[in-house]
Amino acid sequence: MDNVVAETSAGTIRGRSIDGVMRFTGIPYAAPPIGENRFRSPQPVTPWAGVRDATELGDSAVQIIRPGREAQIGRTSEDCLVLNVWTRSLTSSSPVIVWIHGGGFGQGTGYSATTDGLSIARDENAVVVSVNHRLGLLGYLNLEDVAGADFEGSGTAGMLDLVAALQWVRENISRFGGDPDRVLIQGHSGGGGKVSTLMSMPAARGLFTRAVVHGGPPFGHRGREEAGATAREALQRLEIAVEQAGAIRALSTERMLALQEEMGAGPVPGAGGMRFAPVLGTGVIPDRPEVAFSSGDVAGISLMAGSSLDEARYMLFSNPHLAEPGANITDEDLIERVSASIDDPASGADLVRRYQSLDPSATSIEVMFQLFSDQFFVRTRRLLAAKHAGGGATSFSYMDAGNQSSVYGAYHGVSMPYFFNTVSAAAETMPIDANAQNLTTAASLSHALVEFARTGEPIITIDGAERSWPPFDPEEPELVVFGDEGIAIETQPLADRLGLWTGVETSSATDPWARLFA
């Protein structure tokens, strides 16, 4: 590995060349959000003299780490406003892929072996960026409406961090061989929710032109009244008077994490999992993403969105006993879980009955997996339909239907190694097969992603022949489906099950994970 040097607006950095790709890690894009900067909008970086080392990953955001994920998340601290860059050349003008990690709004990290940018940078000549940003209570406690202007931006700080990172890309990426006018943002799960939220934020307009939402139709956003009540509760638990709210900046990081857990936002999705999430109804995020989409506010941004056939089987990682022969739940339990995940809880029992009538032999647990998995597809289609209603740039859709030899199926997150072309690396830690077909599929999908960034028109290879990815049309929705046998273009998959959702509202106001893990 050879050292390489690049310039940024704040100073010179030294990275490393690995396998023909230059990698720069831990680059600050905003000042550390500590001390007086805690619970404030991101502040500018202080320039440095000399050459700053950019060969080690920066810290992930402070978070309550799910057991077993400690090594993946790595070191955490509040000094987490850093990003990573992979590039083949410092002097080209290549499309830019910005990766925004998942984990709802409370967990995750910008780097993993599965989402490493090396393959895309090397094989597709793209510049790849990944970002860390504030999470959970430290990213979304809305003290502004409770304690005043000294906490401006606190209820949306994590999203404003991402805007600051995109502003860094706009200002600096040409120094890394990237084209600032061809920036694509993509995210999975909560990262997908962040992508659609960025699309609806006025401050992010013009910072990117393409977006991809992977398995993450938006959910969990909070209204100002609810977020204000949460902030008051936080201060009360800390025994801090509203007039003395500034004292919260002097408390330890450990106390902040303990407070978050006390308030129900622990390490796994649940009823309190989205308690700390972006606050709506301000100039930062005026309304829900689907409202911004249908109004035409995002007409200039091309969108790709997709989900996996068996999204809900992700819960088996935390509840493996549910995969054992004979495992089941009661109908009452199923109805309670479903009712908590849709806008009108009173519709839950009827939706369950619809699924049961489609296959009377299905057990309650089989219905749960199918219904909750379908909900991701339904929400994704409705997001695309809102974008289509708003006019403007074309949208595209996909479904991952592979991994059927595994008990997990095409679970939540299994599609990401395909778009990063990291199937071989992912197979070391994930239930995914690095066989010849999957490697071919990954090469095609990662190429399509970069072509989407490059031209706005993704090109997919099917049976050795290049084809245009069909645009989304709600009247005749064609989409790319990839699975164990390769890639195909299909029209209206799952039509029999999707019809069951007629009249059932599933907006970003509700959380599909709220009761799934309970």
Protein backbone atom coordinates (compact mmCIF):
# COMPACT_ATOMS: atom_id res chain seq x y z
CA MET A 1 0.00 0.00 0.00
CA ASP A 2 1.40 3.35 -1.07
CA ASN A 3 0.67 6.72 0.51
CA VAL A 4 -1.18 9.26 -1.67
CA VAL A 5 -1.94 12.92 -1.04
CA ALA A 6 -4.99 15.02 -1.90
CA GLU A 7 -6.16 18.55 -1.22
CA THR A 8 -9.39 19.60 0.48
CA SER A 9 -10.79 23.05 1.22
CA ALA A 10 -9.60 22.65 4.83
CA GLY A 11 -6.12 21.30 4.14
CA THR A 12 -3.99 18.48 2.76
CA ILE A 13 -4.72 14.82 3.57
CA ARG A 14 -2.73 11.63 3.15
CA GLY A 15 -4.48 8.38 2.20
CA ARG A 16 -3.45 5.02 0.77
CA SER A 17 -3.50 3.32 -2.61
CA ILE A 18 -5.02 -0.17 -2.41
CA ASP A 19 -5.49 -2.46 -5.43
CA GLY A 20 -5.38 0.46 -7.85
CA VAL A 21 -7.77 2.62 -5.82
CA MET A 22 -6.93 5.57 -3.59
CA ARG A 23 -8.75 5.48 -0.23
CA PHE A 24 -9.00 8.44 2.14
CA THR A 25 -10.76 7.79 5.45
CA GLY A 26 -11.87 9.80 8.47
CA ILE A 27 -11.99 13.14 6.61
CA PRO A 28 -13.82 15.76 8.73
CA TYR A 29 -16.63 17.52 6.87
CA ALA A 30 -17.80 19.57 9.86
CA ALA A 31 -16.48 20.54 13.28
CA PRO A 32 -16.83 17.99 16.10
CA PRO A 33 -20.38 18.33 17.54
CA ILE A 34 -19.13 18.42 21.12
CA GLY A 35 -19.21 21.00 23.91
CA GLU A 36 -21.06 24.08 22.71
CA ASN A 37 -21.69 22.39 19.35
CA ARG A 38 -23.70 19.54 20.89
CA PHE A 39 -27.36 19.81 19.82
CA ARG A 40 -26.54 22.43 17.19
CA SER A 41 -26.47 22.44 13.42
CA PRO A 42 -23.09 21.29 12.02
CA GLN A 43 -20.41 23.96 12.16
CA PRO A 44 -17.53 24.55 9.70
CA VAL A 45 -14.30 22.59 9.92
CA THR A 46 -11.29 24.44 11.31
CA PRO A 47 -8.55 24.28 8.63
CA TRP A 48 -5.34 22.51 9.56
CA ALA A 49 -1.70 23.06 8.70
CA GLY A 50 0.55 20.37 7.28
CA VAL A 51 -0.67 16.98 6.11
CA ARG A 52 -3.52 15.30 8.00
CA ASP A 53 -3.55 11.50 8.17
CA ALA A 54 -6.55 9.93 6.39
CA THR A 55 -5.56 6.26 6.51
CA GLU A 56 -7.68 5.14 9.48
CA LEU A 57 -11.46 5.01 9.75
CA GLY A 58 -12.98 7.77 11.84
CA ASP A 59 -15.26 7.11 14.78
CA SER A 60 -18.81 5.93 14.26
CA ALA A 61 -21.57 7.94 15.92
CA VAL A 62 -22.36 7.29 19.55
CA GLN A 63 -25.10 4.66 19.73
CA ILE A 64 -26.51 1.76 21.72
CA ILE A 65 -24.89 -1.15 19.92
CA ARG A 66 -26.86 -4.30 19.25
CA PRO A 67 -25.12 -7.35 20.77
CA GLY A 68 -22.84 -9.00 18.23
CA ARG A 69 -22.29 -5.84 16.19
CA GLU A 70 -19.52 -4.30 18.27
CA ALA A 71 -16.75 -5.19 15.79
CA GLN A 72 -18.74 -3.90 12.81
CA ILE A 73 -19.57 -0.55 14.43
CA GLY A 74 -16.03 -0.09 15.76
CA ARG A 75 -14.96 2.80 17.94
CA THR A 76 -17.66 5.39 18.66
CA SER A 77 -17.60 8.97 19.89
CA GLU A 78 -19.45 12.24 19.46
CA ASP A 79 -16.59 13.40 17.23
CA CYS A 80 -18.07 11.46 14.30
CA LEU A 81 -18.67 13.95 11.47
CA VAL A 82 -16.30 12.28 9.03
CA LEU A 83 -16.48 10.70 5.60
CA ASN A 84 -14.47 8.31 3.43
CA VAL A 85 -13.57 8.55 -0.27
CA TRP A 86 -12.53 5.90 -2.80
CA THR A 87 -11.29 7.01 -6.22
CA ARG A 88 -9.23 5.65 -9.10
CA SER A 89 -7.94 9.06 -10.17
CA LEU A 90 -7.66 12.53 -8.69
CA THR A 91 -7.96 14.21 -12.07
CA SER A 92 -10.90 12.53 -13.83
CA SER A 93 -14.52 13.68 -13.84
CA SER A 94 -16.31 10.52 -12.72
CA PRO A 95 -19.82 10.01 -11.35
CA VAL A 96 -20.08 10.11 -7.56
CA ILE A 97 -21.88 7.57 -5.36
CA VAL A 98 -22.59 8.74 -1.80
CA TRP A 99 -23.51 5.95 0.62
CA ILE A 100 -25.74 6.70 3.62
CA HIS A 101 -25.87 3.87 6.14
CA GLY A 102 -28.93 2.25 7.68
CA GLY A 103 -29.85 1.32 11.23
CA GLY A 104 -32.96 3.47 11.46
CA PHE A 105 -32.03 6.88 12.82
CA GLY A 106 -30.22 5.45 15.82
CA GLN A 107 -27.61 2.91 14.71
CA GLY A 108 -25.06 2.06 12.05
CA THR A 109 -21.79 3.16 10.53
CA GLY A 110 -20.65 4.40 7.15
CA TYR A 111 -18.14 1.63 6.53
CA SER A 112 -18.43 -2.16 6.35
CA ALA A 113 -16.87 -4.85 4.19
CA THR A 114 -20.23 -5.22 2.45
CA THR A 115 -20.43 -1.53 1.51
CA ASP A 116 -16.74 -0.96 0.78
CA GLY A 117 -16.39 1.38 -2.19
CA LEU A 118 -13.26 -0.22 -3.66
CA SER A 119 -14.94 -2.49 -6.23
CA ILE A 120 -17.18 0.22 -7.68
CA ALA A 121 -14.32 2.72 -7.82
CA ARG A 122 -11.93 0.24 -9.45
CA ASP A 123 -14.26 -1.58 -11.86
CA GLU A 124 -16.70 1.21 -12.78
CA ASN A 125 -14.42 4.27 -12.45
CA ALA A 126 -16.74 5.96 -9.98
CA VAL A 127 -15.89 8.02 -6.91
CA VAL A 128 -17.49 6.54 -3.78
CA VAL A 129 -18.16 8.44 -0.56
CA SER A 130 -19.52 7.07 2.73
CA VAL A 131 -20.61 9.17 5.70
CA ASN A 132 -20.94 9.04 9.47
CA HIS A 133 -23.39 11.42 11.14
CA ARG A 134 -25.13 11.98 14.46
CA LEU A 135 -27.71 9.41 15.53
CA GLY A 136 -30.41 8.87 18.12
CA LEU A 137 -30.94 11.35 20.91
CA LEU A 138 -27.78 13.29 20.04
CA GLY A 139 -28.98 13.70 16.47
CA TYR A 140 -32.69 14.34 16.92
CA LEU A 141 -33.63 15.63 20.39
CA ASN A 142 -35.76 18.66 19.52
CA LEU A 143 -34.65 21.13 22.18
CA GLU A 144 -35.13 24.09 19.85
CA ASP A 145 -38.91 24.22 20.35
CA VAL A 146 -38.48 23.84 24.11
CA ALA A 147 -35.39 25.85 25.01
CA GLY A 148 -35.07 28.31 22.16
CA ALA A 149 -32.73 29.42 19.39
CA ASP A 150 -29.57 28.33 21.19
CA PHE A 151 -30.57 24.80 20.14
CA GLU A 152 -31.48 25.65 16.56
CA GLY A 153 -31.40 22.56 14.37
CA SER A 154 -31.25 20.05 17.23
CA GLY A 155 -34.34 18.13 16.07
CA THR A 156 -32.84 17.61 12.62
CA ALA A 157 -29.11 17.67 13.43
CA GLY A 158 -28.42 14.20 12.00
CA MET A 159 -30.01 15.15 8.68
CA LEU A 160 -28.26 18.53 8.62
CA ASP A 161 -25.00 16.62 9.10
CA LEU A 162 -25.76 14.78 5.85
CA VAL A 163 -26.47 18.09 4.11
CA ALA A 164 -23.08 19.34 5.34
CA ALA A 165 -21.43 16.18 3.98
CA LEU A 166 -23.08 16.74 0.59
CA GLN A 167 -21.92 20.36 0.65
CA TRP A 168 -18.40 19.04 1.28
CA VAL A 169 -18.83 16.79 -1.76
CA ARG A 170 -20.02 19.72 -3.87
CA GLU A 171 -17.00 21.79 -2.82
CA ASN A 172 -14.28 19.13 -2.78
CA ILE A 173 -15.10 16.10 -4.89
CA SER A 174 -13.54 17.46 -8.08
CA ARG A 175 -10.20 17.31 -6.22
CA PHE A 176 -10.78 13.54 -5.93
CA GLY A 177 -11.70 12.99 -9.58
CA GLY A 178 -15.46 13.31 -9.10
CA ASP A 179 -18.02 15.33 -11.02
CA PRO A 180 -20.03 17.49 -8.58
CA ASP A 181 -22.87 17.68 -11.12
CA ARG A 182 -23.29 13.89 -11.24
CA VAL A 183 -23.85 12.93 -7.61
CA LEU A 184 -26.03 9.99 -6.64
CA ILE A 185 -27.03 9.35 -3.03
CA GLN A 186 -28.11 5.90 -1.93
CA GLY A 187 -29.05 4.27 1.35
CA HIS A 188 -30.49 1.06 2.71
CA SER A 189 -33.20 0.71 5.38
CA GLY A 190 -32.93 3.79 7.61
CA GLY A 191 -30.40 5.05 5.06
CA GLY A 192 -33.12 4.84 2.43
CA GLY A 193 -35.37 6.85 4.71
CA LYS A 194 -32.61 9.44 5.01
CA VAL A 195 -32.29 9.55 1.21
CA SER A 196 -35.99 10.33 0.72
CA THR A 197 -35.81 12.85 3.56
CA LEU A 198 -32.85 14.61 1.92
CA MET A 199 -34.84 14.75 -1.30
CA SER A 200 -37.55 16.70 0.55
CA MET A 201 -35.14 19.12 2.30
CA PRO A 202 -34.77 22.57 0.69
CA ALA A 203 -31.19 22.85 2.01
CA ALA A 204 -30.16 19.75 0.03
CA ARG A 205 -31.55 20.91 -3.32
CA GLY A 206 -28.93 21.00 -6.04
CA LEU A 207 -26.43 18.88 -4.09
CA PHE A 208 -27.39 15.65 -5.94
CA THR A 209 -29.37 14.66 -9.02
CA ARG A 210 -30.03 10.93 -8.52
CA ALA A 211 -31.19 8.94 -5.52
CA VAL A 212 -31.63 5.26 -4.63
CA VAL A 213 -33.80 3.96 -1.78
CA HIS A 214 -32.94 0.33 -0.94
CA GLY A 215 -35.41 -1.45 1.34
CA GLY A 216 -36.09 1.78 3.16
CA PRO A 217 -39.30 3.61 2.30
CA PRO A 218 -39.47 6.50 4.79
CA PHE A 219 -40.91 6.07 8.27
CA GLY A 220 -40.51 7.30 11.81
CA HIS A 221 -40.51 11.08 11.35
CA ARG A 222 -41.85 13.05 14.29
CA GLY A 223 -44.18 16.04 14.49
CA ARG A 224 -43.05 19.10 16.41
CA GLU A 225 -45.57 18.69 19.22
CA GLU A 226 -44.57 15.09 19.89
CA ALA A 227 -40.87 15.88 19.57
CA GLY A 228 -41.24 18.80 21.96
CA ALA A 229 -42.92 16.57 24.54
CA THR A 230 -40.04 14.10 24.19
CA ALA A 231 -37.50 16.90 24.77
CA ARG A 232 -39.35 18.06 27.90
CA GLU A 233 -39.37 14.50 29.21
CA ALA A 234 -35.62 14.23 28.59
CA LEU A 235 -34.92 17.39 30.58
CA GLN A 236 -37.19 16.23 33.39
CA ARG A 237 -35.40 12.88 33.60
CA LEU A 238 -32.10 14.77 33.80
CA GLU A 239 -33.55 17.15 36.42
CA ILE A 240 -32.62 20.13 34.27
CA ALA A 241 -34.98 23.12 34.19
CA VAL A 242 -35.91 24.39 30.73
CA GLU A 243 -34.29 27.73 31.60
CA GLN A 244 -31.03 25.87 32.30
CA ALA A 245 -31.19 23.59 29.26
CA GLY A 246 -27.66 24.51 28.25
CA ALA A 247 -26.44 22.30 31.11
CA ILE A 248 -27.21 19.29 28.94
CA ARG A 249 -24.10 20.09 26.91
CA ALA A 250 -21.88 19.41 29.90
CA LEU A 251 -23.23 15.93 30.62
CA SER A 252 -21.18 12.90 29.69
CA THR A 253 -21.72 10.89 26.54
CA GLU A 254 -22.49 7.89 28.75
CA ARG A 255 -25.31 9.81 30.45
CA MET A 256 -26.77 10.71 27.06
CA LEU A 257 -26.79 7.05 25.99
CA ALA A 258 -28.31 5.97 29.28
CA LEU A 259 -31.03 8.60 28.88
CA GLN A 260 -31.82 7.38 25.38
CA GLU A 261 -32.24 3.81 26.63
CA GLU A 262 -34.34 4.98 29.59
CA MET A 263 -36.69 6.58 27.08
CA GLY A 264 -37.21 3.36 25.15
CA ALA A 265 -34.87 3.72 22.18
CA GLY A 266 -32.70 0.66 22.73
CA PRO A 267 -30.53 -1.44 20.43
CA VAL A 268 -33.27 -3.23 18.44
CA PRO A 269 -36.30 -1.95 16.51
CA GLY A 270 -39.37 -1.57 18.70
CA ALA A 271 -42.14 0.73 19.81
CA GLY A 272 -39.63 3.35 20.99
CA GLY A 273 -37.08 2.75 18.27
CA MET A 274 -38.06 5.85 16.28
CA ARG A 275 -38.53 8.14 19.27
CA PHE A 276 -35.50 10.10 18.15
CA ALA A 277 -35.99 10.79 14.45
CA PRO A 278 -36.12 13.82 12.13
CA VAL A 279 -38.65 16.43 13.16
CA LEU A 280 -41.11 17.67 10.53
CA GLY A 281 -42.90 20.96 10.12
CA THR A 282 -39.92 23.31 10.11
CA GLY A 283 -38.03 25.07 7.35
CA VAL A 284 -35.50 22.23 7.47
CA ILE A 285 -37.97 19.42 6.70
CA PRO A 286 -41.32 21.03 5.85
CA ASP A 287 -43.35 17.85 5.36
CA ARG A 288 -43.28 14.09 4.90
CA PRO A 289 -41.22 12.87 1.94
CA GLU A 290 -44.20 11.44 0.04
CA VAL A 291 -45.92 14.84 0.24
CA ALA A 292 -42.85 16.57 -1.20
CA PHE A 293 -42.68 13.91 -3.91
CA SER A 294 -46.28 14.19 -5.06
CA SER A 295 -46.18 18.00 -5.02
CA GLY A 296 -43.39 18.06 -7.60
CA ASP A 297 -40.80 19.53 -5.23
CA VAL A 298 -38.32 16.79 -6.22
CA ALA A 299 -39.14 16.71 -9.93
CA GLY A 300 -35.51 17.31 -10.88
CA ILE A 301 -34.19 14.21 -9.09
CA SER A 302 -34.22 10.74 -10.67
CA LEU A 303 -35.21 7.99 -8.21
CA MET A 304 -34.59 4.24 -8.03
CA ALA A 305 -36.26 2.26 -5.26
CA GLY A 306 -36.58 -1.42 -4.45
CA SER A 307 -37.09 -4.01 -1.75
CA SER A 308 -36.53 -7.70 -1.07
CA LEU A 309 -39.07 -10.50 -1.26
CA ASP A 310 -38.56 -11.67 2.34
CA GLU A 311 -37.69 -8.41 4.12
CA ALA A 312 -39.24 -9.42 7.45
CA ARG A 313 -37.18 -12.58 7.80
CA TYR A 314 -34.44 -10.27 9.01
CA MET A 315 -36.02 -10.65 12.44
CA LEU A 316 -34.83 -14.29 12.49
CA PHE A 317 -31.32 -13.04 13.25
CA SER A 318 -32.61 -11.85 16.64
CA ASN A 319 -35.31 -14.52 17.04
CA PRO A 320 -33.93 -17.75 15.51
CA HIS A 321 -36.47 -19.85 17.43
CA LEU A 322 -39.18 -18.53 15.11
CA ALA A 323 -37.62 -20.54 12.26
CA GLU A 324 -37.85 -23.83 14.14
CA PRO A 325 -40.45 -26.42 13.03
CA GLY A 326 -43.77 -25.80 14.73
CA ALA A 327 -42.94 -22.25 15.81
CA ASN A 328 -45.97 -20.00 15.70
CA ILE A 329 -47.69 -16.98 17.24
CA THR A 330 -51.36 -16.44 18.06
CA ASP A 331 -53.78 -14.66 15.74
CA GLU A 332 -54.24 -11.99 18.41
CA ASP A 333 -50.49 -11.37 18.54
CA LEU A 334 -50.34 -11.15 14.75
CA ILE A 335 -53.19 -8.64 14.60
CA GLU A 336 -51.57 -6.47 17.30
CA ARG A 337 -48.27 -6.44 15.42
CA VAL A 338 -49.91 -5.59 12.09
CA SER A 339 -52.16 -2.91 13.59
CA ALA A 340 -49.13 -1.10 15.04
CA SER A 341 -47.48 -0.91 11.62
CA ILE A 342 -50.22 0.81 9.58
CA ASP A 343 -51.79 4.25 9.74
CA ASP A 344 -55.25 3.06 10.86
CA PRO A 345 -54.81 0.36 13.51
CA ALA A 346 -58.48 -0.57 13.16
CA SER A 347 -57.68 -1.94 9.68
CA GLY A 348 -55.20 -4.47 11.06
CA ALA A 349 -57.62 -7.32 11.74
CA ASP A 350 -59.19 -7.03 8.29
CA LEU A 351 -55.79 -7.01 6.57
CA VAL A 352 -54.80 -10.16 8.46
CA ARG A 353 -58.06 -11.85 7.45
CA ARG A 354 -57.39 -10.97 3.80
CA TYR A 355 -54.02 -12.70 3.95
CA GLN A 356 -55.48 -15.71 5.75
CA SER A 357 -58.20 -16.09 3.12
CA LEU A 358 -55.59 -16.08 0.36
CA ASP A 359 -53.98 -19.17 1.91
CA PRO A 360 -56.13 -20.71 4.70
CA SER A 361 -53.42 -23.30 5.43
CA ALA A 362 -50.81 -20.67 6.35
CA THR A 363 -49.88 -20.37 10.00
CA SER A 364 -49.95 -17.01 11.77
CA ILE A 365 -46.18 -16.80 11.71
CA GLU A 366 -46.10 -17.51 7.97
CA VAL A 367 -48.68 -14.79 7.42
CA MET A 368 -46.62 -12.41 9.56
CA PHE A 369 -43.47 -12.93 7.51
CA GLN A 370 -45.31 -12.56 4.22
CA LEU A 371 -47.45 -9.58 5.21
CA PHE A 372 -44.65 -7.57 6.78
CA SER A 373 -42.34 -8.34 3.85
CA ASP A 374 -45.01 -7.27 1.37
CA GLN A 375 -45.47 -4.03 3.30
CA PHE A 376 -41.99 -2.93 2.27
CA PHE A 377 -42.86 -3.55 -1.37
CA VAL A 378 -46.19 -1.72 -0.98
CA ARG A 379 -44.57 1.26 0.71
CA THR A 380 -41.83 1.37 -1.93
CA ARG A 381 -44.35 1.30 -4.77
CA ARG A 382 -46.40 4.04 -3.19
CA LEU A 383 -43.30 6.18 -2.77
CA LEU A 384 -42.51 5.69 -6.46
CA ALA A 385 -46.13 6.47 -7.34
CA ALA A 386 -45.92 9.74 -5.37
CA LYS A 387 -42.74 10.64 -7.26
CA HIS A 388 -44.47 9.77 -10.56
CA ALA A 389 -47.46 11.96 -9.65
CA GLY A 390 -45.14 14.89 -9.07
CA GLY A 391 -43.73 14.58 -12.59
CA GLY A 392 -40.22 15.31 -13.73
CA ALA A 393 -37.29 12.92 -13.81
CA THR A 394 -37.84 9.20 -14.40
CA SER A 395 -38.06 6.60 -11.65
CA PHE A 396 -37.02 2.94 -11.63
CA SER A 397 -37.85 -0.06 -9.47
CA TYR A 398 -36.41 -3.46 -8.50
CA MET A 399 -37.02 -6.52 -6.33
CA ASP A 400 -34.49 -8.94 -4.85
CA ALA A 401 -36.07 -12.41 -4.90
CA GLY A 402 -32.93 -14.50 -4.39
CA ASN A 403 -31.27 -16.41 -1.55
CA GLN A 404 -34.14 -18.89 -1.46
CA SER A 405 -31.96 -21.80 -0.34
CA SER A 406 -31.52 -20.03 3.02
CA VAL A 407 -34.10 -19.91 5.82
CA TYR A 408 -33.64 -16.13 5.69
CA GLY A 409 -34.58 -15.88 2.02
CA ALA A 410 -34.21 -12.46 0.41
CA TYR A 411 -34.09 -10.75 3.79
CA HIS A 412 -33.71 -7.08 4.68
CA GLY A 413 -30.21 -6.02 3.62
CA VAL A 414 -29.17 -9.00 1.48
CA SER A 415 -29.36 -6.94 -1.71
CA MET A 416 -26.61 -4.49 -0.78
CA PRO A 417 -23.61 -6.71 -1.72
CA TYR A 418 -25.02 -6.85 -5.25
CA PHE A 419 -25.06 -3.09 -5.72
CA PHE A 420 -21.59 -2.72 -4.20
CA ASN A 421 -20.25 -5.82 -6.01
CA THR A 422 -19.01 -7.23 -2.70
CA VAL A 423 -20.77 -10.60 -2.69
CA SER A 424 -17.54 -12.52 -2.03
CA ALA A 425 -16.68 -10.38 0.99
CA ALA A 426 -20.27 -10.45 2.26
CA ALA A 427 -20.39 -14.25 2.08
CA GLU A 428 -17.85 -14.40 4.91
CA THR A 429 -20.32 -12.89 7.40
CA MET A 430 -23.79 -13.03 5.77
CA PRO A 431 -26.00 -15.91 4.61
CA ILE A 432 -25.41 -15.28 0.92
CA ASP A 433 -23.80 -17.58 -1.66
CA ALA A 434 -20.81 -16.27 -3.64
CA ASN A 435 -21.58 -18.58 -6.57
CA ALA A 436 -20.91 -17.73 -10.21
CA GLN A 437 -24.48 -16.59 -10.87
CA ASN A 438 -24.56 -14.21 -7.92
CA LEU A 439 -21.19 -12.75 -8.87
CA THR A 440 -22.45 -12.13 -12.40
CA THR A 441 -25.62 -10.52 -11.04
CA ALA A 442 -23.57 -8.29 -8.74
CA ALA A 443 -21.37 -7.11 -11.61
CA SER A 444 -24.48 -6.21 -13.62
CA LEU A 445 -26.28 -4.39 -10.80
CA SER A 446 -23.25 -2.39 -9.66
CA HIS A 447 -22.68 -1.36 -13.28
CA ALA A 448 -26.34 -0.32 -13.57
CA LEU A 449 -25.99 1.76 -10.41
CA VAL A 450 -22.99 3.65 -11.76
CA GLU A 451 -24.65 4.16 -15.15
CA PHE A 452 -27.61 5.62 -13.30
CA ALA A 453 -25.24 8.05 -11.60
CA ARG A 454 -23.44 8.76 -14.85
CA THR A 455 -26.42 9.32 -17.19
CA GLY A 456 -29.67 8.99 -15.24
CA GLU A 457 -30.48 5.88 -17.31
CA PRO A 458 -29.47 2.57 -15.67
CA ILE A 459 -28.41 -0.18 -18.07
CA ILE A 460 -28.91 -3.80 -16.97
CA THR A 461 -27.33 -6.92 -18.47
CA ILE A 462 -29.69 -9.88 -18.89
CA ASP A 463 -28.42 -13.14 -20.39
CA GLY A 464 -25.34 -11.36 -21.67
CA ALA A 465 -27.24 -8.57 -23.46
CA GLU A 466 -27.51 -4.97 -22.29
CA ARG A 467 -31.03 -3.60 -21.85
CA SER A 468 -32.52 -0.35 -20.64
CA TRP A 469 -33.97 -0.55 -17.15
CA PRO A 470 -37.74 -0.01 -17.64
CA PRO A 471 -39.05 3.24 -16.12
CA PHE A 472 -41.62 3.01 -13.34
CA ASP A 473 -45.24 3.39 -14.44
CA PRO A 474 -47.96 2.89 -11.81
CA GLU A 475 -50.41 1.71 -14.47
CA GLU A 476 -48.09 -1.00 -15.84
CA PRO A 477 -45.29 -1.31 -13.33
CA GLU A 478 -42.36 -3.13 -14.88
CA LEU A 479 -39.36 -3.71 -12.66
CA VAL A 480 -36.06 -5.53 -12.56
CA VAL A 481 -36.22 -8.73 -10.50
CA PHE A 482 -33.01 -10.52 -9.59
CA GLY A 483 -32.67 -13.84 -7.86
CA ASP A 484 -31.04 -17.24 -7.82
CA GLU A 485 -31.43 -17.70 -11.58
CA GLY A 486 -30.18 -14.26 -12.58
CA ILE A 487 -31.95 -11.08 -13.68
CA ALA A 488 -35.31 -10.62 -15.41
CA ILE A 489 -37.80 -7.85 -16.16
CA GLU A 490 -41.26 -8.60 -14.80
CA THR A 491 -44.63 -6.84 -14.72
CA GLN A 492 -46.67 -6.65 -11.52
CA PRO A 493 -45.07 -9.39 -9.41
CA LEU A 494 -47.01 -10.34 -6.28
CA ALA A 495 -50.20 -8.94 -7.84
CA ASP A 496 -52.45 -11.32 -5.86
CA ARG A 497 -50.99 -10.16 -2.54
CA LEU A 498 -50.65 -6.49 -3.40
CA GLY A 499 -54.36 -6.29 -4.06
CA LEU A 500 -54.95 -7.13 -0.42
CA TRP A 501 -53.54 -3.72 0.54
CA THR A 502 -56.24 -1.74 -1.27
CA GLY A 503 -57.60 0.86 1.13
CA VAL A 504 -54.88 0.24 3.74
CA GLU A 505 -52.81 3.36 4.44
CA THR A 506 -49.10 2.92 5.15
CA SER A 507 -47.46 6.34 5.15
CA SER A 508 -44.19 7.43 6.69
CA ALA A 509 -46.18 8.34 9.81
CA THR A 510 -45.96 4.72 10.98
CA ASP A 511 -43.08 2.35 11.62
CA PRO A 512 -43.24 -1.12 10.00
CA TRP A 513 -40.71 -2.44 12.53
CA ALA A 514 -42.48 -1.13 15.63
CA ARG A 515 -43.82 -4.50 16.79
CA LEU A 516 -42.10 -6.94 14.47
CA PHE A 517 -39.25 -7.74 16.87
CA ALA A 518 -41.39 -7.72 20.01
